[in-house]
Each structure stands twice: as structure tokens, then as C-alpha cells.
């Protein structure tokens, strides 16, 4: 596990500016065609040296999030998402239990090209993201000094990018769509660019 403190201000500002423009320029085109949704799934392959301690199993992390989708822009759709992935591993040492939680709070903006079919709308595209990667360590009270907390946390925000593929399926007579989505994510870590996968199923509510 190799999260290091560093100055990511310049890169983060660029990513946030792009995400801001994609998210808030979209409504100027999209008087209609806005959907809001929820999703759940898995973030996989997180058990890499950049993210995990030795012996920590982060192969599959639970994932949940919210989505706003704009579908009335010329040529492309825009998807803005906020997601949270997490997993807690427990270890035993000297008959005491230690809990180590790994979590990733990410915000992303994606531009996708839709393929309109009679029964579904597949789409392909890519985008940018910010990943707030953190670790929470809870250890026994007997291990702490008199003036020391019984937990330790650290978080660092890194930039990333991704490819995305998915499809929407409308439900008859309802303003709802089922959504399935896969993302191949690259995250810029200090020693390497880590690659992880995410799979999610969701439900979209379309405004009239």
C-alpha cells in the first residue's frame, strides 16, 4: 500500500474544470432528456500494491452511486456520476482484531455515443474522474496510548480516466430504464498508473 502525500493541485484543477464544463454546459442544450439514477455493483482488481496492504483482499469491493444523464446533446450523451466503493478486511494479532477499511470516493464525467436500437440503447465512450482513495485503520484500545485515538485514517485524491460501455433498456409505460455499465479505469498513482474494473447495474428515472 503506497499512498503518499503530494501536491496534486494543478492536475486536480484541470480535471475539475473539465468535469464542471461537461456537467453544467450540458443543461444549456438539454431542455429535455435528463435522467437521474442509482446504481450498485463491484469495483474489481483493487488488490494492487498501490491500494492494498500485504494480506489485504480487495479483489472485489462493493460499489454504489448516483448518476445524472443528459441525452439531448448533439451527437453524444453526457453522464455525470458520484460513486463510493469500499471493503473492510479484519486481521487477528495477539488475539486482538484489527479492521482495515479501503474506500474510493469518485466523481466522473463521461461523453458517450449512443446507438439507438428498437429494444435498447447501447453506448460507448470515455471520460475523466477524481478518486479520493482512503484507508481507515481501527485497532484495539489496549494498543493506543493514553492520549491517542483508537483509529487512523488517511486519504489522497488522484486523477484518473476511463473507457465506458453500457446499455439502457426502457420499461413499458414507465419513465424508467434499466442500465448496465462496465468501465475500465486508469488511476494515476505515485509509482504507477493502476488499472481497475467496475461493473454496475442501475435504474434511471427520465424526466418528461
N, C-alpha and C. Protein backbone atom coordinates (compact mmCIF):
# COMPACT_ATOMS: atom_id res chain seq x y z
N UNK A 1 0.86 -1.18 0.00
CA UNK A 1 0.00 0.00 0.00
C UNK A 1 0.89 1.22 0.00
N UNK A 2 0.75 2.07 -1.02
CA UNK A 2 1.70 3.16 -1.15
C UNK A 2 1.01 4.46 -1.51
N UNK A 3 0.16 4.93 -0.62
CA UNK A 3 -0.42 6.26 -0.77
C UNK A 3 0.55 7.26 -0.17
N UNK A 4 0.98 8.23 -0.96
CA UNK A 4 1.90 9.24 -0.45
C UNK A 4 1.28 10.61 -0.59
N UNK A 5 1.60 11.45 0.36
CA UNK A 5 1.11 12.83 0.29
C UNK A 5 1.87 13.57 -0.80
N UNK A 6 1.13 14.33 -1.60
CA UNK A 6 1.79 15.04 -2.67
C UNK A 6 0.95 16.20 -3.12
N UNK A 7 1.52 17.06 -3.94
CA UNK A 7 0.80 18.22 -4.42
C UNK A 7 0.17 17.89 -5.75
N UNK A 8 -1.13 17.59 -5.73
CA UNK A 8 -1.85 17.27 -6.94
C UNK A 8 -2.72 18.43 -7.39
N UNK A 9 -2.47 19.62 -6.84
CA UNK A 9 -3.35 20.75 -7.08
C UNK A 9 -3.53 21.10 -8.55
N UNK A 10 -2.41 21.13 -9.31
CA UNK A 10 -2.52 21.51 -10.71
C UNK A 10 -3.33 20.53 -11.52
N UNK A 11 -3.03 19.23 -11.35
CA UNK A 11 -3.78 18.21 -12.09
C UNK A 11 -5.25 18.20 -11.67
N UNK A 12 -5.50 18.32 -10.38
CA UNK A 12 -6.86 18.27 -9.89
C UNK A 12 -7.68 19.43 -10.43
N UNK A 13 -7.07 20.62 -10.50
CA UNK A 13 -7.79 21.77 -11.03
C UNK A 13 -8.20 21.54 -12.48
N UNK A 14 -7.31 20.94 -13.28
CA UNK A 14 -7.63 20.67 -14.69
C UNK A 14 -8.80 19.70 -14.80
N UNK A 15 -8.75 18.62 -14.00
CA UNK A 15 -9.82 17.63 -14.05
C UNK A 15 -11.15 18.23 -13.62
N UNK A 16 -11.13 18.99 -12.52
CA UNK A 16 -12.37 19.58 -12.02
C UNK A 16 -12.95 20.59 -13.00
N UNK A 17 -12.09 21.35 -13.68
CA UNK A 17 -12.58 22.31 -14.67
C UNK A 17 -13.28 21.58 -15.81
N UNK A 18 -12.66 20.50 -16.31
CA UNK A 18 -13.27 19.74 -17.41
C UNK A 18 -14.60 19.14 -16.97
N UNK A 19 -14.62 18.55 -15.75
CA UNK A 19 -15.85 17.96 -15.25
C UNK A 19 -16.94 19.01 -15.07
N UNK A 20 -16.55 20.19 -14.58
CA UNK A 20 -17.51 21.26 -14.38
C UNK A 20 -18.12 21.68 -15.71
N UNK A 21 -17.28 21.85 -16.73
CA UNK A 21 -17.78 22.28 -18.03
C UNK A 21 -18.71 21.24 -18.65
N UNK A 22 -18.33 19.95 -18.54
CA UNK A 22 -19.16 18.89 -19.11
C UNK A 22 -20.50 18.80 -18.38
N UNK A 23 -20.47 18.93 -17.07
CA UNK A 23 -21.69 18.74 -16.29
C UNK A 23 -22.66 19.91 -16.43
N UNK A 24 -22.13 21.14 -16.42
CA UNK A 24 -23.01 22.29 -16.36
C UNK A 24 -23.25 22.95 -17.71
N UNK A 25 -22.46 22.57 -18.72
CA UNK A 25 -22.78 23.03 -20.07
C UNK A 25 -23.89 22.19 -20.66
N UNK A 26 -24.00 20.94 -20.20
CA UNK A 26 -24.99 20.04 -20.76
C UNK A 26 -26.42 20.57 -20.66
N UNK A 27 -26.89 21.08 -19.52
CA UNK A 27 -28.27 21.53 -19.43
C UNK A 27 -28.62 22.65 -20.38
N UNK A 28 -27.64 23.43 -20.85
CA UNK A 28 -27.94 24.50 -21.79
C UNK A 28 -28.44 23.95 -23.11
N UNK A 29 -28.06 22.70 -23.45
CA UNK A 29 -28.56 22.05 -24.64
C UNK A 29 -29.79 21.20 -24.32
N UNK A 30 -29.84 20.65 -23.12
CA UNK A 30 -30.80 19.60 -22.81
C UNK A 30 -31.98 20.14 -22.02
N UNK A 31 -32.95 20.74 -22.72
CA UNK A 31 -34.17 21.14 -22.05
C UNK A 31 -34.99 19.92 -21.68
N UNK A 32 -34.84 18.85 -22.43
CA UNK A 32 -35.43 17.56 -22.10
C UNK A 32 -34.32 16.52 -22.15
N UNK A 33 -34.68 15.29 -21.87
CA UNK A 33 -33.69 14.22 -21.98
C UNK A 33 -32.74 14.15 -20.81
N UNK A 34 -33.23 14.46 -19.60
CA UNK A 34 -32.40 14.35 -18.40
C UNK A 34 -32.92 13.18 -17.57
N UNK A 35 -32.00 12.33 -17.13
CA UNK A 35 -32.35 11.18 -16.31
C UNK A 35 -31.53 11.19 -15.03
N UNK A 36 -32.15 10.74 -13.95
CA UNK A 36 -31.48 10.58 -12.67
C UNK A 36 -31.54 9.11 -12.29
N UNK A 37 -30.44 8.61 -11.71
CA UNK A 37 -30.44 7.19 -11.42
C UNK A 37 -29.59 6.81 -10.21
N UNK A 38 -29.79 5.56 -9.80
CA UNK A 38 -28.98 4.94 -8.76
C UNK A 38 -28.34 3.69 -9.35
N UNK A 39 -27.23 3.27 -8.75
CA UNK A 39 -26.53 2.10 -9.27
C UNK A 39 -25.85 1.35 -8.14
N UNK A 40 -25.56 0.09 -8.40
CA UNK A 40 -24.82 -0.73 -7.46
C UNK A 40 -24.04 -1.78 -8.22
N UNK A 41 -22.90 -2.20 -7.66
CA UNK A 41 -22.10 -3.18 -8.36
C UNK A 41 -20.81 -3.49 -7.65
N UNK A 42 -19.77 -3.73 -8.44
CA UNK A 42 -18.47 -4.13 -7.91
C UNK A 42 -17.35 -3.31 -8.56
N UNK A 43 -16.35 -2.99 -7.77
CA UNK A 43 -15.08 -2.46 -8.26
C UNK A 43 -14.05 -3.57 -8.07
N UNK A 44 -13.44 -4.05 -9.15
CA UNK A 44 -12.58 -5.23 -9.07
C UNK A 44 -11.12 -4.89 -9.33
N UNK A 45 -10.25 -5.83 -8.99
CA UNK A 45 -8.81 -5.71 -9.20
C UNK A 45 -8.20 -4.57 -8.40
N UNK A 46 -8.75 -4.29 -7.22
CA UNK A 46 -8.22 -3.24 -6.35
C UNK A 46 -7.12 -3.77 -5.44
N UNK A 47 -6.84 -5.08 -5.53
CA UNK A 47 -5.81 -5.69 -4.68
C UNK A 47 -4.44 -5.54 -5.32
N UNK A 48 -4.01 -4.29 -5.53
CA UNK A 48 -2.72 -3.97 -6.13
C UNK A 48 -1.86 -3.26 -5.08
N UNK A 49 -0.54 -3.30 -5.22
CA UNK A 49 0.33 -2.67 -4.22
C UNK A 49 0.00 -1.19 -3.97
N UNK A 50 -0.50 -0.50 -4.98
CA UNK A 50 -0.81 0.92 -4.81
C UNK A 50 -1.99 1.16 -3.88
N UNK A 51 -2.87 0.14 -3.74
CA UNK A 51 -4.10 0.32 -2.99
C UNK A 51 -4.20 -0.53 -1.73
N UNK A 52 -3.49 -1.64 -1.66
CA UNK A 52 -3.74 -2.64 -0.62
C UNK A 52 -2.50 -2.97 0.17
N UNK A 53 -2.70 -3.28 1.44
CA UNK A 53 -1.62 -3.75 2.30
C UNK A 53 -1.40 -5.23 2.06
N UNK A 54 -0.21 -5.76 2.38
CA UNK A 54 0.02 -7.20 2.25
C UNK A 54 -1.00 -8.01 3.03
N UNK A 55 -1.58 -9.01 2.38
CA UNK A 55 -2.59 -9.84 3.02
C UNK A 55 -4.00 -9.29 2.95
N UNK A 56 -4.15 -8.10 2.43
CA UNK A 56 -5.48 -7.49 2.33
C UNK A 56 -6.15 -7.94 1.03
N UNK A 57 -7.37 -8.44 1.10
CA UNK A 57 -8.09 -8.94 -0.06
C UNK A 57 -9.09 -7.89 -0.54
N UNK A 58 -8.69 -7.13 -1.56
CA UNK A 58 -9.57 -6.13 -2.15
C UNK A 58 -9.89 -6.48 -3.60
N UNK A 59 -9.97 -7.80 -3.88
CA UNK A 59 -10.27 -8.22 -5.25
C UNK A 59 -11.60 -7.64 -5.72
N UNK A 60 -12.62 -7.75 -4.86
CA UNK A 60 -13.95 -7.22 -5.18
C UNK A 60 -14.40 -6.28 -4.08
N UNK A 61 -14.68 -5.02 -4.44
CA UNK A 61 -15.18 -4.04 -3.48
C UNK A 61 -16.61 -3.67 -3.86
N UNK A 62 -17.48 -3.53 -2.85
CA UNK A 62 -18.85 -3.10 -3.11
C UNK A 62 -18.85 -1.68 -3.66
N UNK A 63 -19.81 -1.40 -4.54
CA UNK A 63 -19.88 -0.10 -5.22
C UNK A 63 -21.33 0.38 -5.24
N UNK A 64 -21.54 1.64 -4.90
CA UNK A 64 -22.86 2.26 -5.00
C UNK A 64 -22.72 3.70 -5.47
N UNK A 65 -23.76 4.23 -6.10
CA UNK A 65 -23.62 5.60 -6.58
C UNK A 65 -24.89 6.18 -7.17
N UNK A 66 -24.76 7.45 -7.58
CA UNK A 66 -25.82 8.22 -8.20
C UNK A 66 -25.35 8.71 -9.57
N UNK A 67 -26.30 8.88 -10.49
CA UNK A 67 -25.98 9.25 -11.86
C UNK A 67 -26.95 10.29 -12.38
N UNK A 68 -26.43 11.23 -13.15
CA UNK A 68 -27.26 12.15 -13.94
C UNK A 68 -26.83 11.98 -15.39
N UNK A 69 -27.82 11.76 -16.27
CA UNK A 69 -27.51 11.51 -17.68
C UNK A 69 -28.26 12.51 -18.55
N UNK A 70 -27.53 13.15 -19.47
CA UNK A 70 -28.09 14.11 -20.41
C UNK A 70 -28.06 13.48 -21.80
N UNK A 71 -29.26 13.34 -22.42
CA UNK A 71 -29.35 12.61 -23.69
C UNK A 71 -29.81 13.45 -24.86
N UNK A 72 -29.90 14.78 -24.70
CA UNK A 72 -30.40 15.63 -25.78
C UNK A 72 -29.32 16.49 -26.41
N UNK A 73 -28.07 16.21 -26.12
CA UNK A 73 -27.00 16.98 -26.74
C UNK A 73 -26.77 16.50 -28.16
N UNK A 74 -26.20 17.35 -29.01
CA UNK A 74 -25.86 16.90 -30.36
C UNK A 74 -24.80 15.80 -30.33
N UNK A 75 -25.04 14.71 -30.99
CA UNK A 75 -24.07 13.63 -31.22
C UNK A 75 -23.83 12.74 -30.01
N UNK A 76 -23.58 13.30 -28.83
CA UNK A 76 -23.17 12.49 -27.69
C UNK A 76 -24.10 12.72 -26.50
N UNK A 77 -24.08 11.77 -25.59
CA UNK A 77 -24.71 11.93 -24.28
C UNK A 77 -23.62 12.20 -23.24
N UNK A 78 -24.00 12.83 -22.15
CA UNK A 78 -23.08 13.11 -21.05
C UNK A 78 -23.59 12.42 -19.79
N UNK A 79 -22.71 11.70 -19.11
CA UNK A 79 -23.04 11.02 -17.86
C UNK A 79 -22.16 11.58 -16.75
N UNK A 80 -22.78 12.09 -15.70
CA UNK A 80 -22.07 12.60 -14.54
C UNK A 80 -22.42 11.70 -13.35
N UNK A 81 -21.42 11.16 -12.67
CA UNK A 81 -21.66 10.18 -11.62
C UNK A 81 -20.85 10.49 -10.36
N UNK A 82 -21.43 10.12 -9.24
CA UNK A 82 -20.71 10.08 -7.97
C UNK A 82 -20.84 8.68 -7.41
N UNK A 83 -19.73 8.04 -7.07
CA UNK A 83 -19.75 6.64 -6.64
C UNK A 83 -18.85 6.44 -5.42
N UNK A 84 -19.18 5.42 -4.65
CA UNK A 84 -18.40 5.09 -3.46
C UNK A 84 -18.19 3.58 -3.43
N UNK A 85 -16.92 3.18 -3.37
CA UNK A 85 -16.57 1.76 -3.27
C UNK A 85 -15.83 1.52 -1.96
N UNK A 86 -16.08 0.35 -1.35
CA UNK A 86 -15.46 0.11 -0.03
C UNK A 86 -15.35 -1.39 0.23
N UNK A 87 -14.41 -1.71 1.12
CA UNK A 87 -14.30 -3.07 1.65
C UNK A 87 -13.50 -3.02 2.94
N UNK A 88 -13.94 -3.82 3.92
CA UNK A 88 -13.26 -3.91 5.22
C UNK A 88 -12.65 -5.29 5.37
N UNK A 89 -11.36 -5.32 5.69
CA UNK A 89 -10.66 -6.56 5.98
C UNK A 89 -10.32 -6.60 7.47
N UNK A 90 -10.51 -7.75 8.09
CA UNK A 90 -10.21 -7.93 9.51
C UNK A 90 -9.02 -8.86 9.68
N UNK A 91 -8.10 -8.49 10.57
CA UNK A 91 -6.92 -9.29 10.86
C UNK A 91 -6.87 -9.57 12.37
N UNK A 92 -6.26 -10.68 12.73
CA UNK A 92 -6.10 -11.03 14.14
C UNK A 92 -4.63 -11.04 14.49
N UNK A 93 -4.27 -10.32 15.55
CA UNK A 93 -2.89 -10.27 16.02
C UNK A 93 -2.90 -10.27 17.55
N UNK A 94 -2.18 -11.21 18.15
CA UNK A 94 -2.14 -11.32 19.61
C UNK A 94 -3.55 -11.39 20.20
N UNK A 95 -4.41 -12.17 19.53
CA UNK A 95 -5.79 -12.38 19.97
C UNK A 95 -6.63 -11.11 19.94
N UNK A 96 -6.18 -10.10 19.21
CA UNK A 96 -6.93 -8.86 19.05
C UNK A 96 -7.30 -8.70 17.58
N UNK A 97 -8.44 -8.04 17.33
CA UNK A 97 -8.93 -7.84 15.96
C UNK A 97 -8.61 -6.43 15.48
N UNK A 98 -8.07 -6.37 14.28
CA UNK A 98 -7.76 -5.09 13.63
C UNK A 98 -8.59 -5.00 12.35
N UNK A 99 -9.30 -3.90 12.15
CA UNK A 99 -10.11 -3.69 10.96
C UNK A 99 -9.45 -2.64 10.07
N UNK A 100 -9.25 -2.98 8.80
CA UNK A 100 -8.68 -2.05 7.82
C UNK A 100 -9.69 -1.89 6.69
N UNK A 101 -10.21 -0.67 6.56
CA UNK A 101 -11.19 -0.37 5.52
C UNK A 101 -10.53 0.43 4.41
N UNK A 102 -10.70 -0.04 3.18
CA UNK A 102 -10.23 0.67 1.99
C UNK A 102 -11.46 1.25 1.29
N UNK A 103 -11.39 2.50 0.87
CA UNK A 103 -12.54 3.10 0.20
C UNK A 103 -12.09 4.07 -0.88
N UNK A 104 -12.95 4.24 -1.87
CA UNK A 104 -12.68 5.12 -3.01
C UNK A 104 -13.94 5.90 -3.31
N UNK A 105 -13.90 7.21 -3.07
CA UNK A 105 -15.00 8.11 -3.42
C UNK A 105 -14.62 8.78 -4.73
N UNK A 106 -15.39 8.51 -5.78
CA UNK A 106 -15.00 9.03 -7.09
C UNK A 106 -16.14 9.81 -7.73
N UNK A 107 -15.74 10.85 -8.46
CA UNK A 107 -16.66 11.66 -9.25
C UNK A 107 -16.17 11.64 -10.68
N UNK A 108 -17.09 11.40 -11.62
CA UNK A 108 -16.67 11.23 -13.01
C UNK A 108 -17.62 11.95 -13.95
N UNK A 109 -17.10 12.30 -15.11
CA UNK A 109 -17.88 12.86 -16.22
C UNK A 109 -17.46 12.12 -17.48
N UNK A 110 -18.44 11.61 -18.22
CA UNK A 110 -18.17 10.80 -19.40
C UNK A 110 -18.98 11.31 -20.59
N UNK A 111 -18.38 11.27 -21.76
CA UNK A 111 -19.08 11.54 -23.01
C UNK A 111 -19.22 10.21 -23.76
N UNK A 112 -20.44 9.84 -24.11
CA UNK A 112 -20.68 8.55 -24.74
C UNK A 112 -21.49 8.74 -26.02
N UNK A 113 -21.26 7.82 -26.97
CA UNK A 113 -22.02 7.84 -28.23
C UNK A 113 -23.08 6.75 -28.17
N UNK A 114 -24.37 7.12 -28.29
CA UNK A 114 -25.44 6.12 -28.19
C UNK A 114 -25.75 5.50 -29.56
N UNK A 115 -26.16 4.24 -29.52
CA UNK A 115 -26.62 3.52 -30.71
C UNK A 115 -28.09 3.18 -30.49
N UNK A 116 -28.98 3.92 -31.14
CA UNK A 116 -30.40 3.74 -30.90
C UNK A 116 -30.92 2.49 -31.61
N UNK A 117 -31.40 1.54 -30.82
CA UNK A 117 -31.99 0.31 -31.32
C UNK A 117 -33.43 0.22 -30.84
N UNK A 118 -34.27 -0.57 -31.49
CA UNK A 118 -35.68 -0.64 -31.08
C UNK A 118 -35.88 -1.12 -29.64
N UNK A 119 -35.02 -2.00 -29.16
CA UNK A 119 -35.24 -2.62 -27.86
C UNK A 119 -34.30 -2.10 -26.77
N UNK A 120 -33.23 -1.40 -27.16
CA UNK A 120 -32.25 -0.94 -26.18
C UNK A 120 -31.39 0.16 -26.80
N UNK A 121 -30.61 0.84 -25.92
CA UNK A 121 -29.68 1.88 -26.39
C UNK A 121 -28.29 1.58 -25.84
N UNK A 122 -27.48 0.84 -26.60
CA UNK A 122 -26.08 0.66 -26.18
C UNK A 122 -25.30 1.96 -26.37
N UNK A 123 -24.19 2.11 -25.62
CA UNK A 123 -23.36 3.29 -25.78
C UNK A 123 -21.90 2.95 -25.46
N UNK A 124 -21.01 3.74 -26.09
CA UNK A 124 -19.57 3.61 -25.88
C UNK A 124 -18.98 5.00 -25.68
N UNK A 125 -17.93 5.11 -24.88
CA UNK A 125 -17.30 6.41 -24.70
C UNK A 125 -16.17 6.38 -23.70
N UNK A 126 -15.89 7.55 -23.15
CA UNK A 126 -14.80 7.67 -22.19
C UNK A 126 -14.96 8.94 -21.39
N UNK A 127 -14.11 9.10 -20.38
CA UNK A 127 -14.22 10.28 -19.55
C UNK A 127 -13.10 10.42 -18.54
N UNK A 128 -13.27 11.38 -17.64
CA UNK A 128 -12.30 11.70 -16.60
C UNK A 128 -12.93 11.52 -15.23
N UNK A 129 -12.08 11.31 -14.22
CA UNK A 129 -12.59 11.10 -12.87
C UNK A 129 -11.59 11.59 -11.85
N UNK A 130 -12.08 11.87 -10.66
CA UNK A 130 -11.23 12.08 -9.50
C UNK A 130 -11.52 10.97 -8.50
N UNK A 131 -10.48 10.40 -7.92
CA UNK A 131 -10.60 9.30 -6.96
C UNK A 131 -10.04 9.76 -5.62
N UNK A 132 -10.89 9.80 -4.61
CA UNK A 132 -10.45 10.11 -3.26
C UNK A 132 -10.25 8.77 -2.54
N UNK A 133 -9.02 8.30 -2.51
CA UNK A 133 -8.68 6.96 -2.03
C UNK A 133 -8.26 7.05 -0.57
N UNK A 134 -8.88 6.25 0.28
CA UNK A 134 -8.60 6.35 1.70
C UNK A 134 -8.48 5.01 2.38
N UNK A 135 -7.87 5.03 3.57
CA UNK A 135 -7.70 3.85 4.41
C UNK A 135 -8.05 4.23 5.84
N UNK A 136 -8.89 3.42 6.48
CA UNK A 136 -9.27 3.62 7.88
C UNK A 136 -8.83 2.39 8.66
N UNK A 137 -7.99 2.60 9.66
CA UNK A 137 -7.47 1.52 10.49
C UNK A 137 -8.01 1.65 11.90
N UNK A 138 -8.74 0.63 12.35
CA UNK A 138 -9.27 0.59 13.71
C UNK A 138 -8.55 -0.52 14.47
N UNK A 139 -7.91 -0.15 15.57
CA UNK A 139 -7.15 -1.14 16.34
C UNK A 139 -7.61 -1.14 17.79
N UNK A 140 -7.26 -2.17 18.56
CA UNK A 140 -7.78 -2.31 19.93
C UNK A 140 -7.38 -1.14 20.83
N UNK A 141 -8.26 -0.83 21.79
CA UNK A 141 -7.99 0.26 22.72
C UNK A 141 -6.72 0.00 23.53
N UNK A 142 -6.42 -1.27 23.78
CA UNK A 142 -5.24 -1.60 24.57
C UNK A 142 -3.94 -1.27 23.86
N UNK A 143 -4.02 -1.05 22.53
CA UNK A 143 -2.82 -0.71 21.75
C UNK A 143 -2.56 0.79 21.73
N UNK A 144 -3.55 1.58 22.08
CA UNK A 144 -3.43 3.04 21.98
C UNK A 144 -2.79 3.61 23.25
N UNK A 145 -2.04 4.68 23.06
CA UNK A 145 -1.50 5.41 24.19
C UNK A 145 -2.62 6.21 24.87
N UNK A 146 -2.33 6.77 26.01
CA UNK A 146 -3.36 7.46 26.80
C UNK A 146 -4.01 8.60 26.02
N UNK A 147 -3.23 9.33 25.24
CA UNK A 147 -3.75 10.48 24.51
C UNK A 147 -3.91 10.19 23.02
N UNK A 148 -4.01 8.94 22.66
CA UNK A 148 -4.04 8.56 21.24
C UNK A 148 -5.40 7.97 20.90
N UNK A 149 -5.88 8.28 19.70
CA UNK A 149 -7.14 7.71 19.22
C UNK A 149 -6.97 6.23 18.92
N UNK A 150 -8.09 5.54 18.82
CA UNK A 150 -8.06 4.12 18.54
C UNK A 150 -8.29 3.84 17.06
N UNK A 151 -8.06 4.84 16.22
CA UNK A 151 -8.24 4.70 14.78
C UNK A 151 -7.29 5.64 14.06
N UNK A 152 -6.99 5.28 12.81
CA UNK A 152 -6.13 6.10 11.97
C UNK A 152 -6.71 6.13 10.58
N UNK A 153 -6.74 7.31 9.97
CA UNK A 153 -7.29 7.45 8.63
C UNK A 153 -6.35 8.28 7.77
N UNK A 154 -6.30 7.94 6.49
CA UNK A 154 -5.55 8.74 5.53
C UNK A 154 -6.27 8.71 4.19
N UNK A 155 -6.28 9.83 3.49
CA UNK A 155 -6.98 9.95 2.21
C UNK A 155 -6.14 10.80 1.27
N UNK A 156 -6.13 10.40 0.02
CA UNK A 156 -5.48 11.21 -1.00
C UNK A 156 -6.30 11.17 -2.28
N UNK A 157 -6.40 12.30 -2.96
CA UNK A 157 -7.17 12.39 -4.19
C UNK A 157 -6.24 12.30 -5.40
N UNK A 158 -6.58 11.41 -6.30
CA UNK A 158 -5.80 11.19 -7.52
C UNK A 158 -6.71 11.37 -8.73
N UNK A 159 -6.11 11.69 -9.87
CA UNK A 159 -6.88 11.82 -11.09
C UNK A 159 -6.89 10.50 -11.86
N UNK A 160 -7.89 10.34 -12.70
CA UNK A 160 -8.00 9.12 -13.49
C UNK A 160 -8.79 9.36 -14.77
N UNK A 161 -8.84 8.33 -15.59
CA UNK A 161 -9.62 8.38 -16.82
C UNK A 161 -10.14 6.98 -17.09
N UNK A 162 -11.12 6.86 -17.99
CA UNK A 162 -11.75 5.57 -18.19
C UNK A 162 -12.38 5.44 -19.56
N UNK A 163 -12.56 4.18 -19.97
CA UNK A 163 -13.41 3.83 -21.09
C UNK A 163 -14.69 3.24 -20.52
N UNK A 164 -15.79 3.43 -21.23
CA UNK A 164 -17.09 3.04 -20.70
C UNK A 164 -17.93 2.38 -21.78
N UNK A 165 -18.65 1.33 -21.42
CA UNK A 165 -19.58 0.66 -22.32
C UNK A 165 -20.80 0.26 -21.51
N UNK A 166 -21.99 0.45 -22.08
CA UNK A 166 -23.19 0.09 -21.36
C UNK A 166 -24.40 0.09 -22.25
N UNK A 167 -25.56 -0.13 -21.66
CA UNK A 167 -26.81 -0.05 -22.42
C UNK A 167 -27.96 0.26 -21.48
N UNK A 168 -28.99 0.92 -22.03
CA UNK A 168 -30.23 1.23 -21.33
C UNK A 168 -31.36 0.46 -21.98
N UNK A 169 -32.27 -0.05 -21.17
CA UNK A 169 -33.47 -0.73 -21.65
C UNK A 169 -34.67 -0.09 -21.00
N UNK A 170 -35.59 0.45 -21.82
CA UNK A 170 -36.77 1.11 -21.28
C UNK A 170 -37.80 0.11 -20.78
N UNK A 171 -38.56 0.52 -19.75
CA UNK A 171 -39.64 -0.30 -19.22
C UNK A 171 -40.96 0.22 -19.79
N UNK A 172 -41.78 -0.65 -20.35
CA UNK A 172 -43.03 -0.21 -20.99
C UNK A 172 -43.94 0.57 -20.05
N UNK A 173 -44.47 1.68 -20.54
CA UNK A 173 -45.44 2.56 -19.86
C UNK A 173 -44.87 3.26 -18.63
N UNK A 174 -43.58 3.09 -18.35
CA UNK A 174 -42.99 3.74 -17.18
C UNK A 174 -41.83 4.64 -17.61
N UNK A 175 -41.60 5.75 -16.89
CA UNK A 175 -40.46 6.62 -17.22
C UNK A 175 -39.16 6.10 -16.62
N UNK A 176 -38.97 4.80 -16.66
CA UNK A 176 -37.81 4.16 -16.05
C UNK A 176 -37.04 3.35 -17.07
N UNK A 177 -35.73 3.29 -16.86
CA UNK A 177 -34.86 2.47 -17.70
C UNK A 177 -33.93 1.65 -16.82
N UNK A 178 -33.72 0.41 -17.23
CA UNK A 178 -32.69 -0.40 -16.62
C UNK A 178 -31.36 -0.10 -17.28
N UNK A 179 -30.30 -0.04 -16.49
CA UNK A 179 -28.98 0.31 -17.02
C UNK A 179 -27.95 -0.70 -16.56
N UNK A 180 -27.09 -1.11 -17.48
CA UNK A 180 -25.93 -1.95 -17.15
C UNK A 180 -24.70 -1.27 -17.73
N UNK A 181 -23.60 -1.26 -16.96
CA UNK A 181 -22.43 -0.48 -17.37
C UNK A 181 -21.14 -1.12 -16.91
N UNK A 182 -20.15 -1.06 -17.80
CA UNK A 182 -18.79 -1.51 -17.48
C UNK A 182 -17.82 -0.36 -17.73
N UNK A 183 -16.85 -0.21 -16.82
CA UNK A 183 -15.81 0.80 -17.01
C UNK A 183 -14.43 0.18 -16.79
N UNK A 184 -13.53 0.54 -17.65
CA UNK A 184 -12.11 0.22 -17.47
C UNK A 184 -11.43 1.51 -17.03
N UNK A 185 -10.96 1.52 -15.78
CA UNK A 185 -10.46 2.74 -15.14
C UNK A 185 -8.94 2.71 -15.00
N UNK A 186 -8.31 3.83 -15.30
CA UNK A 186 -6.89 4.03 -15.02
C UNK A 186 -6.78 5.13 -13.97
N UNK A 187 -6.00 4.87 -12.91
CA UNK A 187 -5.83 5.83 -11.81
C UNK A 187 -4.35 6.17 -11.70
N UNK A 188 -4.03 7.46 -11.70
CA UNK A 188 -2.65 7.93 -11.66
C UNK A 188 -2.13 7.88 -10.23
N UNK A 189 -1.39 6.81 -9.90
CA UNK A 189 -0.79 6.66 -8.57
C UNK A 189 0.68 7.08 -8.62
N UNK A 190 1.32 7.29 -7.46
CA UNK A 190 2.70 7.79 -7.46
C UNK A 190 3.68 6.90 -8.21
N UNK A 191 3.58 5.57 -8.03
CA UNK A 191 4.56 4.67 -8.63
C UNK A 191 4.12 4.13 -9.97
N UNK A 192 2.82 4.18 -10.28
CA UNK A 192 2.32 3.54 -11.48
C UNK A 192 0.94 4.10 -11.82
N UNK A 193 0.48 3.77 -13.02
CA UNK A 193 -0.90 4.02 -13.38
C UNK A 193 -1.65 2.72 -13.20
N UNK A 194 -2.46 2.65 -12.15
CA UNK A 194 -3.17 1.42 -11.81
C UNK A 194 -4.42 1.27 -12.67
N UNK A 195 -4.77 0.03 -12.97
CA UNK A 195 -5.93 -0.26 -13.81
C UNK A 195 -6.92 -1.12 -13.02
N UNK A 196 -8.17 -0.67 -12.91
CA UNK A 196 -9.20 -1.41 -12.20
C UNK A 196 -10.47 -1.43 -13.05
N UNK A 197 -11.37 -2.37 -12.74
CA UNK A 197 -12.62 -2.53 -13.47
C UNK A 197 -13.81 -2.23 -12.57
N UNK A 198 -14.88 -1.74 -13.16
CA UNK A 198 -16.11 -1.58 -12.40
C UNK A 198 -17.30 -2.09 -13.22
N UNK A 199 -18.20 -2.78 -12.52
CA UNK A 199 -19.41 -3.31 -13.12
C UNK A 199 -20.58 -2.82 -12.29
N UNK A 200 -21.62 -2.29 -12.94
CA UNK A 200 -22.74 -1.74 -12.19
C UNK A 200 -24.06 -1.97 -12.91
N UNK A 201 -25.10 -2.20 -12.13
CA UNK A 201 -26.48 -2.25 -12.61
C UNK A 201 -27.24 -1.12 -11.94
N UNK A 202 -28.15 -0.49 -12.68
CA UNK A 202 -28.85 0.64 -12.10
C UNK A 202 -30.23 0.85 -12.68
N UNK A 203 -30.89 1.86 -12.15
CA UNK A 203 -32.23 2.24 -12.59
C UNK A 203 -32.23 3.74 -12.83
N UNK A 204 -32.70 4.16 -14.02
CA UNK A 204 -32.75 5.56 -14.41
C UNK A 204 -34.19 6.04 -14.47
N UNK A 205 -34.44 7.22 -13.90
CA UNK A 205 -35.75 7.86 -14.00
C UNK A 205 -35.63 9.03 -14.96
N UNK A 206 -36.43 9.00 -16.03
CA UNK A 206 -36.34 10.02 -17.08
C UNK A 206 -37.37 11.10 -16.86
N UNK A 207 -36.91 12.35 -16.91
CA UNK A 207 -37.84 13.48 -16.82
C UNK A 207 -38.62 13.58 -18.12
N UNK A 208 -39.85 14.11 -18.08
CA UNK A 208 -40.65 14.24 -19.31
C UNK A 208 -40.01 15.20 -20.29
